[in-house]
Amino acid sequence: MSVADMIDAELDDLHADQTSPGMAAVARDLARSIDDTDVPTAKAAVADKLRSIMSDLRRLAPVGEKGDAVDDIAEQRAKRRAAAREQAAGG
């Protein structure tokens, strides 16, 4: 998988085209330029700029619908409590 493909997938996950379409376009261009060159110093320079833009896009991304670790723990706790109540009720 190319750098451009991976960046494109991450931009989709971040909904970057809705929050920052210009930065998303620049990120895609930079990723393609990494794929298109074999010059290590050029790749390094572009990768540094791409890393910076992706960092900004991650901060600007809307909060996802997927839960984080705290949500997972709360869900597990709720399941355990429901099971304990059911068992206490004689079920």
N, C-alpha and C. Protein backbone atom coordinates (compact mmCIF):
# COMPACT_ATOMS: atom_id res chain seq x y z
N MET A 1 0.85 -1.18 0.00
CA MET A 1 0.00 0.00 0.00
C MET A 1 0.89 1.24 0.00
N SER A 2 0.54 2.20 -0.81
CA SER A 2 1.35 3.41 -0.94
C SER A 2 1.08 4.37 0.21
N VAL A 3 1.99 5.31 0.38
CA VAL A 3 1.80 6.36 1.38
C VAL A 3 0.53 7.14 1.08
N ALA A 4 0.29 7.43 -0.19
CA ALA A 4 -0.90 8.19 -0.58
C ALA A 4 -2.18 7.43 -0.20
N ASP A 5 -2.18 6.12 -0.39
CA ASP A 5 -3.36 5.32 -0.02
C ASP A 5 -3.60 5.35 1.49
N MET A 6 -2.53 5.22 2.26
CA MET A 6 -2.67 5.22 3.73
C MET A 6 -3.12 6.59 4.24
N ILE A 7 -2.56 7.64 3.68
CA ILE A 7 -2.96 8.99 4.09
C ILE A 7 -4.40 9.26 3.70
N ASP A 8 -4.78 8.83 2.51
CA ASP A 8 -6.16 9.01 2.06
C ASP A 8 -7.14 8.31 3.00
N ALA A 9 -6.80 7.10 3.41
CA ALA A 9 -7.67 6.36 4.34
C ALA A 9 -7.77 7.08 5.69
N GLU A 10 -6.65 7.58 6.18
CA GLU A 10 -6.69 8.30 7.46
C GLU A 10 -7.47 9.60 7.34
N LEU A 11 -7.31 10.30 6.22
CA LEU A 11 -8.07 11.53 6.03
C LEU A 11 -9.58 11.26 6.00
N ASP A 12 -9.95 10.14 5.40
CA ASP A 12 -11.37 9.76 5.40
C ASP A 12 -11.86 9.50 6.83
N ASP A 13 -11.06 8.80 7.62
CA ASP A 13 -11.42 8.52 9.02
C ASP A 13 -11.55 9.80 9.84
N LEU A 14 -10.72 10.78 9.52
CA LEU A 14 -10.71 12.05 10.25
C LEU A 14 -11.78 13.03 9.75
N HIS A 15 -12.45 12.68 8.66
CA HIS A 15 -13.42 13.58 8.02
C HIS A 15 -12.77 14.91 7.67
N ALA A 16 -11.51 14.83 7.24
CA ALA A 16 -10.72 16.04 6.98
C ALA A 16 -11.26 16.85 5.82
N ASP A 17 -11.91 16.21 4.85
CA ASP A 17 -12.46 16.96 3.73
C ASP A 17 -13.59 17.89 4.16
N GLN A 18 -14.26 17.56 5.26
CA GLN A 18 -15.32 18.42 5.76
C GLN A 18 -14.78 19.50 6.70
N THR A 19 -13.79 19.14 7.52
CA THR A 19 -13.29 20.10 8.51
C THR A 19 -12.22 21.04 7.96
N SER A 20 -11.34 20.51 7.11
CA SER A 20 -10.24 21.31 6.57
C SER A 20 -9.89 20.83 5.16
N PRO A 21 -10.73 21.15 4.19
CA PRO A 21 -10.50 20.61 2.84
C PRO A 21 -9.17 21.04 2.22
N GLY A 22 -8.73 22.24 2.47
CA GLY A 22 -7.47 22.70 1.91
C GLY A 22 -6.28 21.94 2.47
N MET A 23 -6.26 21.77 3.78
CA MET A 23 -5.17 21.02 4.41
C MET A 23 -5.20 19.55 3.97
N ALA A 24 -6.39 19.00 3.80
CA ALA A 24 -6.51 17.61 3.35
C ALA A 24 -5.94 17.47 1.94
N ALA A 25 -6.21 18.44 1.08
CA ALA A 25 -5.68 18.40 -0.28
C ALA A 25 -4.16 18.50 -0.28
N VAL A 26 -3.62 19.35 0.56
CA VAL A 26 -2.16 19.47 0.65
C VAL A 26 -1.55 18.17 1.16
N ALA A 27 -2.19 17.56 2.15
CA ALA A 27 -1.69 16.28 2.68
C ALA A 27 -1.67 15.21 1.60
N ARG A 28 -2.72 15.16 0.79
CA ARG A 28 -2.75 14.18 -0.31
C ARG A 28 -1.64 14.44 -1.33
N ASP A 29 -1.42 15.71 -1.66
CA ASP A 29 -0.35 16.06 -2.61
C ASP A 29 1.02 15.69 -2.06
N LEU A 30 1.24 15.96 -0.78
CA LEU A 30 2.52 15.62 -0.17
C LEU A 30 2.73 14.10 -0.16
N ALA A 31 1.68 13.36 0.16
CA ALA A 31 1.78 11.90 0.19
C ALA A 31 2.11 11.35 -1.20
N ARG A 32 1.47 11.91 -2.23
CA ARG A 32 1.78 11.46 -3.60
C ARG A 32 3.22 11.79 -3.97
N SER A 33 3.70 12.95 -3.52
CA SER A 33 5.08 13.31 -3.87
C SER A 33 6.08 12.39 -3.17
N ILE A 34 5.75 11.90 -1.99
CA ILE A 34 6.62 10.92 -1.33
C ILE A 34 6.67 9.65 -2.16
N ASP A 35 5.52 9.22 -2.65
CA ASP A 35 5.47 8.01 -3.48
C ASP A 35 6.20 8.18 -4.80
N ASP A 36 6.22 9.41 -5.32
CA ASP A 36 6.76 9.65 -6.66
C ASP A 36 8.27 9.89 -6.71
N THR A 37 8.91 10.01 -5.56
CA THR A 37 10.35 10.30 -5.58
C THR A 37 11.14 9.15 -4.95
N ASP A 38 12.38 9.05 -5.41
CA ASP A 38 13.31 8.08 -4.83
C ASP A 38 14.46 8.76 -4.10
N VAL A 39 14.40 10.09 -4.00
CA VAL A 39 15.47 10.86 -3.36
C VAL A 39 15.20 10.89 -1.85
N PRO A 40 16.07 10.26 -1.06
CA PRO A 40 15.82 10.16 0.38
C PRO A 40 15.68 11.51 1.09
N THR A 41 16.50 12.49 0.71
CA THR A 41 16.40 13.79 1.39
C THR A 41 15.09 14.49 1.06
N ALA A 42 14.62 14.33 -0.16
CA ALA A 42 13.34 14.92 -0.54
C ALA A 42 12.20 14.23 0.21
N LYS A 43 12.27 12.91 0.30
CA LYS A 43 11.24 12.17 1.05
C LYS A 43 11.20 12.63 2.50
N ALA A 44 12.38 12.80 3.10
CA ALA A 44 12.45 13.20 4.50
C ALA A 44 11.85 14.58 4.72
N ALA A 45 12.16 15.51 3.84
CA ALA A 45 11.63 16.87 3.97
C ALA A 45 10.12 16.89 3.81
N VAL A 46 9.63 16.18 2.82
CA VAL A 46 8.18 16.15 2.58
C VAL A 46 7.47 15.40 3.71
N ALA A 47 8.08 14.31 4.18
CA ALA A 47 7.48 13.55 5.27
C ALA A 47 7.33 14.40 6.53
N ASP A 48 8.31 15.28 6.79
CA ASP A 48 8.23 16.15 7.95
C ASP A 48 7.06 17.12 7.82
N LYS A 49 6.88 17.68 6.64
CA LYS A 49 5.74 18.59 6.41
C LYS A 49 4.42 17.84 6.50
N LEU A 50 4.39 16.64 5.95
CA LEU A 50 3.16 15.82 6.00
C LEU A 50 2.81 15.46 7.44
N ARG A 51 3.82 15.11 8.22
CA ARG A 51 3.58 14.79 9.63
C ARG A 51 2.96 15.97 10.37
N SER A 52 3.47 17.15 10.10
CA SER A 52 2.95 18.36 10.74
C SER A 52 1.50 18.62 10.36
N ILE A 53 1.18 18.50 9.08
CA ILE A 53 -0.19 18.73 8.62
C ILE A 53 -1.13 17.68 9.19
N MET A 54 -0.70 16.42 9.20
CA MET A 54 -1.55 15.35 9.73
C MET A 54 -1.79 15.54 11.22
N SER A 55 -0.80 16.02 11.93
CA SER A 55 -0.97 16.30 13.36
C SER A 55 -2.04 17.36 13.57
N ASP A 56 -1.98 18.42 12.77
CA ASP A 56 -3.00 19.48 12.85
C ASP A 56 -4.38 18.94 12.50
N LEU A 57 -4.46 18.12 11.48
CA LEU A 57 -5.76 17.56 11.07
C LEU A 57 -6.33 16.63 12.14
N ARG A 58 -5.48 15.89 12.81
CA ARG A 58 -5.96 15.02 13.90
C ARG A 58 -6.55 15.85 15.03
N ARG A 59 -5.91 16.98 15.33
CA ARG A 59 -6.44 17.85 16.39
C ARG A 59 -7.77 18.50 16.00
N LEU A 60 -7.94 18.77 14.71
CA LEU A 60 -9.16 19.42 14.23
C LEU A 60 -10.30 18.44 13.98
N ALA A 61 -10.00 17.16 13.99
CA ALA A 61 -11.02 16.15 13.66
C ALA A 61 -12.14 16.16 14.68
N PRO A 62 -13.37 15.97 14.22
CA PRO A 62 -14.49 15.89 15.17
C PRO A 62 -14.36 14.63 16.02
N VAL A 63 -14.94 14.70 17.20
CA VAL A 63 -14.91 13.55 18.09
C VAL A 63 -15.67 12.43 17.42
N GLY A 64 -15.04 11.28 17.34
CA GLY A 64 -15.64 10.15 16.66
C GLY A 64 -16.79 9.52 17.42
N GLU A 65 -17.56 8.74 16.72
CA GLU A 65 -18.66 8.03 17.35
C GLU A 65 -18.16 6.80 18.08
N LYS A 66 -16.99 6.35 17.73
CA LYS A 66 -16.42 5.19 18.41
C LYS A 66 -16.00 5.62 19.80
N GLY A 67 -16.25 4.75 20.76
CA GLY A 67 -15.89 5.07 22.13
C GLY A 67 -14.40 4.90 22.39
N ASP A 68 -13.94 5.58 23.40
CA ASP A 68 -12.55 5.41 23.78
C ASP A 68 -12.46 4.39 24.91
N ALA A 69 -11.31 4.25 25.51
CA ALA A 69 -11.10 3.25 26.55
C ALA A 69 -12.01 3.49 27.76
N VAL A 70 -12.23 4.74 28.09
CA VAL A 70 -13.11 5.06 29.23
C VAL A 70 -14.53 4.60 28.94
N ASP A 71 -15.00 4.84 27.72
CA ASP A 71 -16.34 4.38 27.35
C ASP A 71 -16.44 2.86 27.39
N ASP A 72 -15.39 2.18 26.94
CA ASP A 72 -15.38 0.72 26.97
C ASP A 72 -15.46 0.20 28.40
N ILE A 73 -14.72 0.80 29.30
CA ILE A 73 -14.74 0.38 30.71
C ILE A 73 -16.12 0.63 31.31
N ALA A 74 -16.72 1.77 31.01
CA ALA A 74 -18.05 2.08 31.53
C ALA A 74 -19.08 1.09 31.00
N GLU A 75 -18.97 0.70 29.73
CA GLU A 75 -19.89 -0.27 29.15
C GLU A 75 -19.74 -1.64 29.81
N GLN A 76 -18.50 -2.05 30.03
CA GLN A 76 -18.27 -3.33 30.70
C GLN A 76 -18.82 -3.32 32.12
N ARG A 77 -18.63 -2.21 32.82
CA ARG A 77 -19.13 -2.08 34.19
C ARG A 77 -20.66 -2.17 34.21
N ALA A 78 -21.30 -1.51 33.25
CA ALA A 78 -22.76 -1.55 33.18
C ALA A 78 -23.25 -2.98 32.93
N LYS A 79 -22.56 -3.71 32.08
CA LYS A 79 -22.94 -5.10 31.81
C LYS A 79 -22.78 -5.96 33.06
N ARG A 80 -21.69 -5.78 33.78
CA ARG A 80 -21.48 -6.55 35.01
C ARG A 80 -22.54 -6.24 36.05
N ARG A 81 -22.89 -4.97 36.19
CA ARG A 81 -23.92 -4.58 37.17
C ARG A 81 -25.27 -5.16 36.79
N ALA A 82 -25.59 -5.14 35.50
CA ALA A 82 -26.87 -5.70 35.04
C ALA A 82 -26.90 -7.20 35.31
N ALA A 83 -25.80 -7.89 35.07
CA ALA A 83 -25.73 -9.32 35.33
C ALA A 83 -25.86 -9.60 36.80
N ALA A 84 -25.22 -8.79 37.64
CA ALA A 84 -25.30 -8.98 39.10
C ALA A 84 -26.72 -8.74 39.59
N ARG A 85 -27.40 -7.72 39.06
CA ARG A 85 -28.80 -7.46 39.47
C ARG A 85 -29.70 -8.62 39.07
N GLU A 86 -29.48 -9.14 37.88
CA GLU A 86 -30.29 -10.26 37.40
C GLU A 86 -30.05 -11.49 38.26
N GLN A 87 -28.82 -11.74 38.62
CA GLN A 87 -28.49 -12.90 39.45
C GLN A 87 -29.06 -12.70 40.86
N ALA A 88 -29.01 -11.51 41.39
CA ALA A 88 -29.55 -11.23 42.73
C ALA A 88 -31.07 -11.36 42.75
N ALA A 89 -31.70 -11.09 41.62
CA ALA A 89 -33.16 -11.18 41.54
C ALA A 89 -33.61 -12.63 41.36
N GLY A 90 -32.64 -13.54 41.25
CA GLY A 90 -32.98 -14.93 41.14
C GLY A 90 -33.03 -15.44 39.73
N GLY A 91 -32.49 -14.67 38.81
CA GLY A 91 -32.54 -15.05 37.39
C GLY A 91 -31.35 -15.80 37.03
